[in-house]
Amino acid sequence: MAYFFWLMYLGFMGTTAIWFLIKGKYKNNVTRLDFVISIITWFGLFGYVTDTQMLTPIVWKIVFVFSLLWDVIFTIFFAERFAGDFGLEEEEESMPLAAKLSGLIFVMPLYYGIYQYAF
């Protein structure tokens, strides 16, 4: 049953990234970098879920650290600035830090999977 949920999460993450690409939401270098990092982490999660060895564990350790760091930096500093690029409504007031970090909860399974895959 857990495998089924992992496959659903994997499919949702991949579909979301491809949907944003098709809709042309990656309009600048920061959002394009975010897309590239998302695809790399998706491959790591795919390797974990399907138990397929891709690259070496040291590569996935580096991917884990840098992509987690990127997600935190992107969420705190860039996500609100580029919200219009993703079709999200921009608010006049700045989002509180706690609200920004709560968005990271959604990607916790992704990083759990990459961590398990790397270590």
PDB file of N, CA and C in Angstrom:
ATOM      1  N   MET A   1       0.818  -1.192   0.000  1.00  0.00           N
ATOM      2  CA  MET A   1       0.000   0.000   0.000  1.00  0.00           C
ATOM      3  C   MET A   1       0.871   1.269   0.000  1.00  0.00           C
ATOM      4  N   ALA A   2       1.964   1.216   0.750  1.00  0.00           N
ATOM      5  CA  ALA A   2       2.862   2.372   0.795  1.00  0.00           C
ATOM      6  C   ALA A   2       3.457   2.635  -0.591  1.00  0.00           C
ATOM      7  N   TYR A   3       3.767   1.572  -1.303  1.00  0.00           N
ATOM      8  CA  TYR A   3       4.319   1.709  -2.651  1.00  0.00           C
ATOM      9  C   TYR A   3       3.342   2.466  -3.552  1.00  0.00           C
ATOM     10  N   PHE A   4       2.062   2.168  -3.417  1.00  0.00           N
ATOM     11  CA  PHE A   4       1.032   2.843  -4.205  1.00  0.00           C
ATOM     12  C   PHE A   4       1.019   4.339  -3.914  1.00  0.00           C
ATOM     13  N   PHE A   5       1.108   4.717  -2.636  1.00  0.00           N
ATOM     14  CA  PHE A   5       1.122   6.131  -2.272  1.00  0.00           C
ATOM     15  C   PHE A   5       2.381   6.831  -2.774  1.00  0.00           C
ATOM     16  N   TRP A   6       3.517   6.120  -2.720  1.00  0.00           N
ATOM     17  CA  TRP A   6       4.743   6.695  -3.263  1.00  0.00           C
ATOM     18  C   TRP A   6       4.601   6.928  -4.766  1.00  0.00           C
ATOM     19  N   LEU A   7       4.009   5.979  -5.468  1.00  0.00           N
ATOM     20  CA  LEU A   7       3.804   6.153  -6.907  1.00  0.00           C
ATOM     21  C   LEU A   7       2.869   7.324  -7.207  1.00  0.00           C
ATOM     22  N   MET A   8       1.824   7.481  -6.407  1.00  0.00           N
ATOM     23  CA  MET A   8       0.913   8.607  -6.587  1.00  0.00           C
ATOM     24  C   MET A   8       1.646   9.934  -6.365  1.00  0.00           C
ATOM     25  N   TYR A   9       2.448   9.999  -5.309  1.00  0.00           N
ATOM     26  CA  TYR A   9       3.203  11.226  -5.021  1.00  0.00           C
ATOM     27  C   TYR A   9       4.201  11.509  -6.137  1.00  0.00           C
ATOM     28  N   LEU A  10       4.876  10.478  -6.586  1.00  0.00           N
ATOM     29  CA  LEU A  10       5.840  10.610  -7.683  1.00  0.00           C
ATOM     30  C   LEU A  10       5.149  11.136  -8.938  1.00  0.00           C
ATOM     31  N   GLY A  11       3.998  10.582  -9.264  1.00  0.00           N
ATOM     32  CA  GLY A  11       3.235  11.022 -10.430  1.00  0.00           C
ATOM     33  C   GLY A  11       2.751  12.455 -10.292  1.00  0.00           C
ATOM     34  N   PHE A  12       2.291  12.809  -9.108  1.00  0.00           N
ATOM     35  CA  PHE A  12       1.816  14.176  -8.881  1.00  0.00           C
ATOM     36  C   PHE A  12       2.949  15.187  -9.027  1.00  0.00           C
ATOM     37  N   MET A  13       4.107  14.876  -8.467  1.00  0.00           N
ATOM     38  CA  MET A  13       5.250  15.791  -8.546  1.00  0.00           C
ATOM     39  C   MET A  13       5.706  15.951 -10.009  1.00  0.00           C
ATOM     40  N   GLY A  14       5.786  14.855 -10.733  1.00  0.00           N
ATOM     41  CA  GLY A  14       6.203  14.916 -12.140  1.00  0.00           C
ATOM     42  C   GLY A  14       5.197  15.636 -13.009  1.00  0.00           C
ATOM     43  N   THR A  15       3.927  15.348 -12.789  1.00  0.00           N
ATOM     44  CA  THR A  15       2.869  15.978 -13.570  1.00  0.00           C
ATOM     45  C   THR A  15       2.831  17.476 -13.328  1.00  0.00           C
ATOM     46  N   THR A  16       3.006  17.881 -12.087  1.00  0.00           N
ATOM     47  CA  THR A  16       2.998  19.305 -11.760  1.00  0.00           C
ATOM     48  C   THR A  16       4.149  20.035 -12.454  1.00  0.00           C
ATOM     49  N   ALA A  17       5.331  19.457 -12.406  1.00  0.00           N
ATOM     50  CA  ALA A  17       6.493  20.095 -13.046  1.00  0.00           C
ATOM     51  C   ALA A  17       6.291  20.201 -14.557  1.00  0.00           C
ATOM     52  N   ILE A  18       5.799  19.147 -15.178  1.00  0.00           N
ATOM     53  CA  ILE A  18       5.575  19.162 -16.631  1.00  0.00           C
ATOM     54  C   ILE A  18       4.458  20.137 -17.000  1.00  0.00           C
ATOM     55  N   TRP A  19       3.411  20.200 -16.172  1.00  0.00           N
ATOM     56  CA  TRP A  19       2.310  21.118 -16.435  1.00  0.00           C
ATOM     57  C   TRP A  19       2.805  22.559 -16.415  1.00  0.00           C
ATOM     58  N   PHE A  20       3.633  22.915 -15.417  1.00  0.00           N
ATOM     59  CA  PHE A  20       4.192  24.265 -15.368  1.00  0.00           C
ATOM     60  C   PHE A  20       5.052  24.540 -16.602  1.00  0.00           C
ATOM     61  N   LEU A  21       5.796  23.542 -17.058  1.00  0.00           N
ATOM     62  CA  LEU A  21       6.631  23.706 -18.251  1.00  0.00           C
ATOM     63  C   LEU A  21       5.775  23.950 -19.493  1.00  0.00           C
ATOM     64  N   ILE A  22       4.734  23.159 -19.665  1.00  0.00           N
ATOM     65  CA  ILE A  22       3.857  23.294 -20.833  1.00  0.00           C
ATOM     66  C   ILE A  22       3.150  24.652 -20.827  1.00  0.00           C
ATOM     67  N   LYS A  23       2.741  25.113 -19.670  1.00  0.00           N
ATOM     68  CA  LYS A  23       2.043  26.393 -19.556  1.00  0.00           C
ATOM     69  C   LYS A  23       2.978  27.593 -19.668  1.00  0.00           C
ATOM     70  N   GLY A  24       4.281  27.345 -19.751  1.00  0.00           N
ATOM     71  CA  GLY A  24       5.241  28.439 -19.909  1.00  0.00           C
ATOM     72  C   GLY A  24       5.449  29.261 -18.658  1.00  0.00           C
ATOM     73  N   LYS A  25       5.391  28.637 -17.512  1.00  0.00           N
ATOM     74  CA  LYS A  25       5.513  29.365 -16.249  1.00  0.00           C
ATOM     75  C   LYS A  25       6.952  29.629 -15.848  1.00  0.00           C
ATOM     76  N   TYR A  26       7.899  28.995 -16.510  1.00  0.00           N
ATOM     77  CA  TYR A  26       9.307  29.201 -16.179  1.00  0.00           C
ATOM     78  C   TYR A  26       9.852  30.286 -17.106  1.00  0.00           C
ATOM     79  N   LYS A  27       9.682  31.543 -16.697  1.00  0.00           N
ATOM     80  CA  LYS A  27       9.972  32.663 -17.584  1.00  0.00           C
ATOM     81  C   LYS A  27      11.321  33.322 -17.342  1.00  0.00           C
ATOM     82  N   ASN A  28      11.961  33.050 -16.229  1.00  0.00           N
ATOM     83  CA  ASN A  28      13.235  33.708 -15.954  1.00  0.00           C
ATOM     84  C   ASN A  28      14.235  32.679 -15.428  1.00  0.00           C
ATOM     85  N   ASN A  29      15.455  33.096 -15.234  1.00  0.00           N
ATOM     86  CA  ASN A  29      16.517  32.159 -14.869  1.00  0.00           C
ATOM     87  C   ASN A  29      16.306  31.507 -13.504  1.00  0.00           C
ATOM     88  N   VAL A  30      15.752  32.241 -12.558  1.00  0.00           N
ATOM     89  CA  VAL A  30      15.543  31.674 -11.223  1.00  0.00           C
ATOM     90  C   VAL A  30      14.505  30.554 -11.274  1.00  0.00           C
ATOM     91  N   THR A  31      13.413  30.773 -11.971  1.00  0.00           N
ATOM     92  CA  THR A  31      12.386  29.737 -12.050  1.00  0.00           C
ATOM     93  C   THR A  31      12.845  28.570 -12.935  1.00  0.00           C
ATOM     94  N   ARG A  32      13.676  28.849 -13.927  1.00  0.00           N
ATOM     95  CA  ARG A  32      14.228  27.756 -14.742  1.00  0.00           C
ATOM     96  C   ARG A  32      15.172  26.895 -13.921  1.00  0.00           C
ATOM     97  N   LEU A  33      15.987  27.534 -13.083  1.00  0.00           N
ATOM     98  CA  LEU A  33      16.864  26.784 -12.180  1.00  0.00           C
ATOM     99  C   LEU A  33      16.038  25.935 -11.225  1.00  0.00           C
ATOM    100  N   ASP A  34      14.947  26.490 -10.728  1.00  0.00           N
ATOM    101  CA  ASP A  34      14.060  25.733  -9.847  1.00  0.00           C
ATOM    102  C   ASP A  34      13.495  24.517 -10.580  1.00  0.00           C
ATOM    103  N   PHE A  35      13.146  24.673 -11.849  1.00  0.00           N
ATOM    104  CA  PHE A  35      12.632  23.554 -12.639  1.00  0.00           C
ATOM    105  C   PHE A  35      13.688  22.464 -12.806  1.00  0.00           C
ATOM    106  N   VAL A  36      14.909  22.852 -13.117  1.00  0.00           N
ATOM    107  CA  VAL A  36      15.989  21.876 -13.294  1.00  0.00           C
ATOM    108  C   VAL A  36      16.233  21.114 -11.993  1.00  0.00           C
ATOM    109  N   ILE A  37      16.263  21.832 -10.886  1.00  0.00           N
ATOM    110  CA  ILE A  37      16.464  21.178  -9.590  1.00  0.00           C
ATOM    111  C   ILE A  37      15.290  20.250  -9.281  1.00  0.00           C
ATOM    112  N   SER A  38      14.085  20.671  -9.627  1.00  0.00           N
ATOM    113  CA  SER A  38      12.907  19.821  -9.403  1.00  0.00           C
ATOM    114  C   SER A  38      12.988  18.524 -10.200  1.00  0.00           C
ATOM    115  N   ILE A  39      13.428  18.602 -11.435  1.00  0.00           N
ATOM    116  CA  ILE A  39      13.545  17.404 -12.274  1.00  0.00           C
ATOM    117  C   ILE A  39      14.612  16.470 -11.719  1.00  0.00           C
ATOM    118  N   ILE A  40      15.744  17.025 -11.282  1.00  0.00           N
ATOM    119  CA  ILE A  40      16.806  16.187 -10.711  1.00  0.00           C
ATOM    120  C   ILE A  40      16.311  15.485  -9.453  1.00  0.00           C
ATOM    121  N   THR A  41      15.621  16.220  -8.586  1.00  0.00           N
ATOM    122  CA  THR A  41      15.108  15.583  -7.366  1.00  0.00           C
ATOM    123  C   THR A  41      14.027  14.560  -7.700  1.00  0.00           C
ATOM    124  N   TRP A  42      13.252  14.824  -8.761  1.00  0.00           N
ATOM    125  CA  TRP A  42      12.234  13.857  -9.160  1.00  0.00           C
ATOM    126  C   TRP A  42      12.897  12.534  -9.574  1.00  0.00           C
ATOM    127  N   PHE A  43      14.005  12.621 -10.308  1.00  0.00           N
ATOM    128  CA  PHE A  43      14.717  11.406 -10.687  1.00  0.00           C
ATOM    129  C   PHE A  43      15.239  10.665  -9.457  1.00  0.00           C
ATOM    130  N   GLY A  44      15.690  11.399  -8.454  1.00  0.00           N
ATOM    131  CA  GLY A  44      16.123  10.760  -7.212  1.00  0.00           C
ATOM    132  C   GLY A  44      14.980  10.046  -6.516  1.00  0.00           C
ATOM    133  N   LEU A  45      13.826  10.699  -6.461  1.00  0.00           N
ATOM    134  CA  LEU A  45      12.662  10.056  -5.857  1.00  0.00           C
ATOM    135  C   LEU A  45      12.227   8.851  -6.679  1.00  0.00           C
ATOM    136  N   PHE A  46      12.289   8.953  -7.990  1.00  0.00           N
ATOM    137  CA  PHE A  46      11.962   7.829  -8.865  1.00  0.00           C
ATOM    138  C   PHE A  46      12.877   6.644  -8.573  1.00  0.00           C
ATOM    139  N   GLY A  47      14.162   6.910  -8.416  1.00  0.00           N
ATOM    140  CA  GLY A  47      15.111   5.843  -8.087  1.00  0.00           C
ATOM    141  C   GLY A  47      14.796   5.194  -6.761  1.00  0.00           C
ATOM    142  N   TYR A  48      14.403   6.002  -5.786  1.00  0.00           N
ATOM    143  CA  TYR A  48      14.053   5.452  -4.470  1.00  0.00           C
ATOM    144  C   TYR A  48      12.786   4.599  -4.540  1.00  0.00           C
ATOM    145  N   VAL A  49      11.755   5.142  -5.180  1.00  0.00           N
ATOM    146  CA  VAL A  49      10.463   4.443  -5.221  1.00  0.00           C
ATOM    147  C   VAL A  49      10.559   3.142  -6.011  1.00  0.00           C
ATOM    148  N   THR A  50      11.262   3.161  -7.130  1.00  0.00           N
ATOM    149  CA  THR A  50      11.341   1.964  -7.973  1.00  0.00           C
ATOM    150  C   THR A  50      12.539   1.077  -7.637  1.00  0.00           C
ATOM    151  N   ASP A  51      13.333   1.494  -6.654  1.00  0.00           N
ATOM    152  CA  ASP A  51      14.520   0.749  -6.239  1.00  0.00           C
ATOM    153  C   ASP A  51      15.466   0.524  -7.421  1.00  0.00           C
ATOM    154  N   THR A  52      15.675   1.596  -8.184  1.00  0.00           N
ATOM    155  CA  THR A  52      16.551   1.582  -9.344  1.00  0.00           C
ATOM    156  C   THR A  52      17.801   2.401  -9.029  1.00  0.00           C
ATOM    157  N   GLN A  53      18.970   1.813  -9.236  1.00  0.00           N
ATOM    158  CA  GLN A  53      20.211   2.529  -8.959  1.00  0.00           C
ATOM    159  C   GLN A  53      20.572   3.438 -10.129  1.00  0.00           C
ATOM    160  N   MET A  54      20.561   4.736  -9.870  1.00  0.00           N
ATOM    161  CA  MET A  54      20.988   5.731 -10.850  1.00  0.00           C
ATOM    162  C   MET A  54      22.102   6.539 -10.208  1.00  0.00           C
ATOM    163  N   LEU A  55      23.204   6.647 -10.899  1.00  0.00           N
ATOM    164  CA  LEU A  55      24.373   7.352 -10.396  1.00  0.00           C
ATOM    165  C   LEU A  55      24.862   6.711  -9.091  1.00  0.00           C
ATOM    166  N   THR A  56      25.705   7.415  -8.359  1.00  0.00           N
ATOM    167  CA  THR A  56      26.251   6.856  -7.122  1.00  0.00           C
ATOM    168  C   THR A  56      25.616   7.547  -5.923  1.00  0.00           C
ATOM    169  N   PRO A  57      25.676   6.923  -4.765  1.00  0.00           N
ATOM    170  CA  PRO A  57      25.092   7.548  -3.575  1.00  0.00           C
ATOM    171  C   PRO A  57      25.691   8.919  -3.240  1.00  0.00           C
ATOM    172  N   ILE A  58      26.969   9.122  -3.525  1.00  0.00           N
ATOM    173  CA  ILE A  58      27.570  10.428  -3.228  1.00  0.00           C
ATOM    174  C   ILE A  58      26.909  11.538  -4.041  1.00  0.00           C
ATOM    175  N   VAL A  59      26.526  11.237  -5.277  1.00  0.00           N
ATOM    176  CA  VAL A  59      25.829  12.230  -6.106  1.00  0.00           C
ATOM    177  C   VAL A  59      24.502  12.586  -5.462  1.00  0.00           C
ATOM    178  N   TRP A  60      23.779  11.589  -4.972  1.00  0.00           N
ATOM    179  CA  TRP A  60      22.467  11.848  -4.369  1.00  0.00           C
ATOM    180  C   TRP A  60      22.596  12.536  -3.021  1.00  0.00           C
ATOM    181  N   LYS A  61      23.704  12.320  -2.327  1.00  0.00           N
ATOM    182  CA  LYS A  61      23.951  13.067  -1.088  1.00  0.00           C
ATOM    183  C   LYS A  61      24.133  14.542  -1.395  1.00  0.00           C
ATOM    184  N   ILE A  62      24.886  14.835  -2.433  1.00  0.00           N
ATOM    185  CA  ILE A  62      25.089  16.224  -2.849  1.00  0.00           C
ATOM    186  C   ILE A  62      23.770  16.828  -3.332  1.00  0.00           C
ATOM    187  N   VAL A  63      23.022  16.070  -4.127  1.00  0.00           N
ATOM    188  CA  VAL A  63      21.719  16.547  -4.610  1.00  0.00           C
ATOM    189  C   VAL A  63      20.797  16.824  -3.432  1.00  0.00           C
ATOM    190  N   PHE A  64      20.781  15.934  -2.447  1.00  0.00           N
ATOM    191  CA  PHE A  64      19.921  16.120  -1.281  1.00  0.00           C
ATOM    192  C   PHE A  64      20.239  17.428  -0.575  1.00  0.00           C
ATOM    193  N   VAL A  65      21.506  17.654  -0.262  1.00  0.00           N
ATOM    194  CA  VAL A  65      21.898  18.851   0.497  1.00  0.00           C
ATOM    195  C   VAL A  65      21.610  20.120  -0.291  1.00  0.00           C
ATOM    196  N   PHE A  66      22.060  20.166  -1.542  1.00  0.00           N
ATOM    197  CA  PHE A  66      21.906  21.394  -2.312  1.00  0.00           C
ATOM    198  C   PHE A  66      20.460  21.660  -2.720  1.00  0.00           C
ATOM    199  N   SER A  67      19.694  20.632  -3.029  1.00  0.00           N
ATOM    200  CA  SER A  67      18.300  20.875  -3.414  1.00  0.00           C
ATOM    201  C   SER A  67      17.457  21.278  -2.211  1.00  0.00           C
ATOM    202  N   LEU A  68      17.732  20.707  -1.054  1.00  0.00           N
ATOM    203  CA  LEU A  68      17.018  21.123   0.156  1.00  0.00           C
ATOM    204  C   LEU A  68      17.350  22.574   0.484  1.00  0.00           C
ATOM    205  N   LEU A  69      18.611  22.919   0.399  1.00  0.00           N
ATOM    206  CA  LEU A  69      19.029  24.296   0.625  1.00  0.00           C
ATOM    207  C   LEU A  69      18.374  25.229  -0.395  1.00  0.00           C
ATOM    208  N   TRP A  70      18.341  24.814  -1.653  1.00  0.00           N
ATOM    209  CA  TRP A  70      17.708  25.628  -2.692  1.00  0.00           C
ATOM    210  C   TRP A  70      16.232  25.829  -2.410  1.00  0.00           C
ATOM    211  N   ASP A  71      15.519  24.770  -2.041  1.00  0.00           N
ATOM    212  CA  ASP A  71      14.086  24.900  -1.779  1.00  0.00           C
ATOM    213  C   ASP A  71      13.817  25.885  -0.647  1.00  0.00           C
ATOM    214  N   VAL A  72      14.610  25.833   0.399  1.00  0.00           N
ATOM    215  CA  VAL A  72      14.427  26.763   1.515  1.00  0.00           C
ATOM    216  C   VAL A  72      14.713  28.192   1.055  1.00  0.00           C
ATOM    217  N   ILE A  73      15.812  28.391   0.346  1.00  0.00           N
ATOM    218  CA  ILE A  73      16.158  29.732  -0.141  1.00  0.00           C
ATOM    219  C   ILE A  73      15.108  30.245  -1.122  1.00  0.00           C
ATOM    220  N   PHE A  74      14.684  29.393  -2.064  1.00  0.00           N
ATOM    221  CA  PHE A  74      13.674  29.801  -3.045  1.00  0.00           C
ATOM    222  C   PHE A  74      12.368  30.165  -2.356  1.00  0.00           C
ATOM    223  N   THR A  75      11.950  29.357  -1.390  1.00  0.00           N
ATOM    224  CA  THR A  75      10.687  29.605  -0.704  1.00  0.00           C
ATOM    225  C   THR A  75      10.731  30.904   0.097  1.00  0.00           C
ATOM    226  N   ILE A  76      11.829  31.146   0.777  1.00  0.00           N
ATOM    227  CA  ILE A  76      11.912  32.329   1.630  1.00  0.00           C
ATOM    228  C   ILE A  76      12.114  33.605   0.816  1.00  0.00           C
ATOM    229  N   PHE A  77      13.005  33.574  -0.164  1.00  0.00           N
ATOM    230  CA  PHE A  77      13.402  34.806  -0.840  1.00  0.00           C
ATOM    231  C   PHE A  77      12.778  35.038  -2.212  1.00  0.00           C
ATOM    232  N   PHE A  78      12.474  33.988  -2.958  1.00  0.00           N
ATOM    233  CA  PHE A  78      12.074  34.178  -4.347  1.00  0.00           C
ATOM    234  C   PHE A  78      10.619  33.830  -4.654  1.00  0.00           C
ATOM    235  N   ALA A  79      10.024  32.926  -3.929  1.00  0.00           N
ATOM    236  CA  ALA A  79       8.696  32.427  -4.296  1.00  0.00           C
ATOM    237  C   ALA A  79       7.664  33.544  -4.353  1.00  0.00           C
ATOM    238  N   GLU A  80       7.687  34.427  -3.383  1.00  0.00           N
ATOM    239  CA  GLU A  80       6.705  35.511  -3.365  1.00  0.00           C
ATOM    240  C   GLU A  80       6.942  36.480  -4.526  1.00  0.00           C
ATOM    241  N   ARG A  81       8.200  36.709  -4.853  1.00  0.00           N
ATOM    242  CA  ARG A  81       8.551  37.632  -5.936  1.00  0.00           C
ATOM    243  C   ARG A  81       8.089  37.103  -7.290  1.00  0.00           C
ATOM    244  N   PHE A  82       8.194  35.776  -7.481  1.00  0.00           N
ATOM    245  CA  PHE A  82       7.834  35.170  -8.758  1.00  0.00           C
ATOM    246  C   PHE A  82       6.461  34.514  -8.736  1.00  0.00           C
ATOM    247  N   ALA A  83       5.636  34.846  -7.754  1.00  0.00           N
ATOM    248  CA  ALA A  83       4.304  34.247  -7.652  1.00  0.00           C
ATOM    249  C   ALA A  83       3.479  34.533  -8.901  1.00  0.00           C
ATOM    250  N   GLY A  84       3.630  35.716  -9.481  1.00  0.00           N
ATOM    251  CA  GLY A  84       2.902  36.051 -10.702  1.00  0.00           C
ATOM    252  C   GLY A  84       3.306  35.176 -11.873  1.00  0.00           C
ATOM    253  N   ASP A  85       4.582  34.738 -11.893  1.00  0.00           N
ATOM    254  CA  ASP A  85       5.051  33.858 -12.963  1.00  0.00           C
ATOM    255  C   ASP A  85       4.372  32.502 -12.912  1.00  0.00           C
ATOM    256  N   PHE A  86       3.973  32.094 -11.717  1.00  0.00           N
ATOM    257  CA  PHE A  86       3.333  30.794 -11.554  1.00  0.00           C
ATOM    258  C   PHE A  86       1.812  30.900 -11.582  1.00  0.00           C
ATOM    259  N   GLY A  87       1.297  32.053 -11.879  1.00  0.00           N
ATOM    260  CA  GLY A  87      -0.148  32.220 -11.977  1.00  0.00           C
ATOM    261  C   GLY A  87      -0.817  32.370 -10.628  1.00  0.00           C
ATOM    262  N   LEU A  88      -0.061  32.658  -9.597  1.00  0.00           N
ATOM    263  CA  LEU A  88      -0.621  32.840  -8.267  1.00  0.00           C
ATOM    264  C   LEU A  88      -0.889  34.317  -8.036  1.00  0.00           C
ATOM    265  N   GLU A  89      -1.886  34.596  -7.230  1.00  0.00           N
ATOM    266  CA  GLU A  89      -2.216  35.987  -6.952  1.00  0.00           C
ATOM    267  C   GLU A  89      -1.171  36.579  -6.015  1.00  0.00           C
ATOM    268  N   GLU A  90      -0.793  37.790  -6.317  1.00  0.00           N
ATOM    269  CA  GLU A  90       0.156  38.475  -5.444  1.00  0.00           C
ATOM    270  C   GLU A  90      -0.627  39.310  -4.439  1.00  0.00           C
ATOM    271  N   GLU A  91      -0.222  39.216  -3.199  1.00  0.00           N
ATOM    272  CA  GLU A  91      -0.867  39.981  -2.154  1.00  0.00           C
ATOM    273  C   GLU A  91      -0.089  41.268  -1.941  1.00  0.00           C
ATOM    274  N   GLU A  92      -0.776  42.268  -1.416  1.00  0.00           N
ATOM    275  CA  GLU A  92      -0.113  43.525  -1.150  1.00  0.00           C
ATOM    276  C   GLU A  92       0.848  43.400   0.025  1.00  0.00           C
ATOM    277  N   GLU A  93       0.459  42.626   1.042  1.00  0.00           N
ATOM    278  CA  GLU A  93       1.305  42.454   2.209  1.00  0.00           C
ATOM    279  C   GLU A  93       2.226  41.261   1.993  1.00  0.00           C
ATOM    280  N   SER A  94       3.366  41.312   2.641  1.00  0.00           N
ATOM    281  CA  SER A  94       4.316  40.218   2.557  1.00  0.00           C
ATOM    282  C   SER A  94       3.817  39.025   3.373  1.00  0.00           C
ATOM    283  N   MET A  95       4.047  37.839   2.843  1.00  0.00           N
ATOM    284  CA  MET A  95       3.660  36.636   3.579  1.00  0.00           C
ATOM    285  C   MET A  95       4.568  36.453   4.779  1.00  0.00           C
ATOM    286  N   PRO A  96       4.023  36.036   5.916  1.00  0.00           N
ATOM    287  CA  PRO A  96       4.884  35.771   7.067  1.00  0.00           C
ATOM    288  C   PRO A  96       5.800  34.575   6.793  1.00  0.00           C
ATOM    289  N   LEU A  97       6.941  34.562   7.454  1.00  0.00           N
ATOM    290  CA  LEU A  97       7.921  33.503   7.250  1.00  0.00           C
ATOM    291  C   LEU A  97       7.330  32.127   7.561  1.00  0.00           C
ATOM    292  N   ALA A  98       6.508  32.038   8.597  1.00  0.00           N
ATOM    293  CA  ALA A  98       5.894  30.754   8.963  1.00  0.00           C
ATOM    294  C   ALA A  98       5.007  30.235   7.833  1.00  0.00           C
ATOM    295  N   ALA A  99       4.308  31.124   7.157  1.00  0.00           N
ATOM    296  CA  ALA A  99       3.455  30.707   6.040  1.00  0.00           C
ATOM    297  C   ALA A  99       4.292  30.223   4.866  1.00  0.00           C
ATOM    298  N   LYS A 100       5.422  30.899   4.640  1.00  0.00           N
ATOM    299  CA  LYS A 100       6.307  30.478   3.556  1.00  0.00           C
ATOM    300  C   LYS A 100       6.885  29.096   3.843  1.00  0.00           C
ATOM    301  N   LEU A 101       7.315  28.887   5.068  1.00  0.00           N
ATOM    302  CA  LEU A 101       7.931  27.608   5.419  1.00  0.00           C
ATOM    303  C   LEU A 101       6.918  26.472   5.459  1.00  0.00           C
ATOM    304  N   SER A 102       5.644  26.795   5.708  1.00  0.00           N
ATOM    305  CA  SER A 102       4.639  25.735   5.720  1.00  0.00           C
ATOM    306  C   SER A 102       4.477  25.114   4.338  1.00  0.00           C
ATOM    307  N   GLY A 103       4.819  25.851   3.289  1.00  0.00           N
ATOM    308  CA  GLY A 103       4.789  25.297   1.937  1.00  0.00           C
ATOM    309  C   GLY A 103       5.820  24.201   1.735  1.00  0.00           C
ATOM    310  N   LEU A 104       6.864  24.232   2.554  1.00  0.00           N
ATOM    311  CA  LEU A 104       7.896  23.201   2.459  1.00  0.00           C
ATOM    312  C   LEU A 104       7.413  21.850   2.977  1.00  0.00           C
ATOM    313  N   ILE A 105       6.331  21.849   3.742  1.00  0.00           N
ATOM    314  CA  ILE A 105       5.799  20.586   4.268  1.00  0.00           C
ATOM    315  C   ILE A 105       5.400  19.657   3.123  1.00  0.00           C
ATOM    316  N   PHE A 106       4.903  20.232   2.038  1.00  0.00           N
ATOM    317  CA  PHE A 106       4.468  19.430   0.904  1.00  0.00           C
ATOM    318  C   PHE A 106       5.617  18.651   0.272  1.00  0.00           C
ATOM    319  N   VAL A 107       6.826  19.192   0.312  1.00  0.00           N
ATOM    320  CA  VAL A 107       7.959  18.518  -0.318  1.00  0.00           C
ATOM    321  C   VAL A 107       8.744  17.637   0.657  1.00  0.00           C
ATOM    322  N   MET A 108       8.285  17.528   1.893  1.00  0.00           N
ATOM    323  CA  MET A 108       8.990  16.682   2.859  1.00  0.00           C
ATOM    324  C   MET A 108       9.099  15.225   2.415  1.00  0.00           C
ATOM    325  N   PRO A 109       8.045  14.620   1.848  1.00  0.00           N
ATOM    326  CA  PRO A 109       8.207  13.239   1.358  1.00  0.00           C
ATOM    327  C   PRO A 109       9.262  13.129   0.263  1.00  0.00           C
ATOM    328  N   LEU A 110       9.375  14.139  -0.574  1.00  0.00           N
ATOM    329  CA  LEU A 110      10.393  14.151  -1.618  1.00  0.00           C
ATOM    330  C   LEU A 110      11.777  14.065  -1.001  1.00  0.00           C
ATOM    331  N   TYR A 111      12.033  14.887  -0.007  1.00  0.00           N
ATOM    332  CA  TYR A 111      13.357  14.889   0.603  1.00  0.00           C
ATOM    333  C   TYR A 111      13.590  13.673   1.488  1.00  0.00           C
ATOM    334  N   TYR A 112      12.532  13.122   2.053  1.00  0.00           N
ATOM    335  CA  TYR A 112      12.668  11.863   2.788  1.00  0.00           C
ATOM    336  C   TYR A 112      13.114  10.759   1.828  1.00  0.00           C
ATOM    337  N   GLY A 113      12.494  10.687   0.651  1.00  0.00           N
ATOM    338  CA  GLY A 113      12.844   9.687  -0.332  1.00  0.00           C
ATOM    339  C   GLY A 113      14.263   9.851  -0.848  1.00  0.00           C
ATOM    340  N   ILE A 114      14.672  11.084  -1.127  1.00  0.00           N
ATOM    341  CA  ILE A 114      16.031  11.313  -1.607  1.00  0.00           C
ATOM    342  C   ILE A 114      17.036  10.992  -0.518  1.00  0.00           C
ATOM    343  N   TYR A 115      16.706  11.321   0.725  1.00  0.00           N
ATOM    344  CA  TYR A 115      17.595  10.994   1.845  1.00  0.00           C
ATOM    345  C   TYR A 115      17.774   9.478   1.959  1.00  0.00           C
ATOM    346  N   GLN A 116      16.667   8.755   1.894  1.00  0.00           N
ATOM    347  CA  GLN A 116      16.741   7.283   1.973  1.00  0.00           C
ATOM    348  C   GLN A 116      17.521   6.704   0.799  1.00  0.00           C
ATOM    349  N   TYR A 117      17.366   7.324  -0.344  1.00  0.00           N
ATOM    350  CA  TYR A 117      18.060   6.859  -1.550  1.00  0.00           C
ATOM    351  C   TYR A 117      19.564   7.119  -1.458  1.00  0.00           C
ATOM    352  N   ALA A 118      19.934   8.249  -0.861  1.00  0.00           N
ATOM    353  CA  ALA A 118      21.344   8.650  -0.804  1.00  0.00           C
ATOM    354  C   ALA A 118      22.099   7.993   0.352  1.00  0.00           C
ATOM    355  N   PHE A 119      21.434   7.841   1.464  1.00  0.00           N
ATOM    356  CA  PHE A 119      22.129   7.353   2.657  1.00  0.00           C
ATOM    357  C   PHE A 119      21.695   5.927   2.964  1.00  0.00           C
TER     358      PHE A 119
END
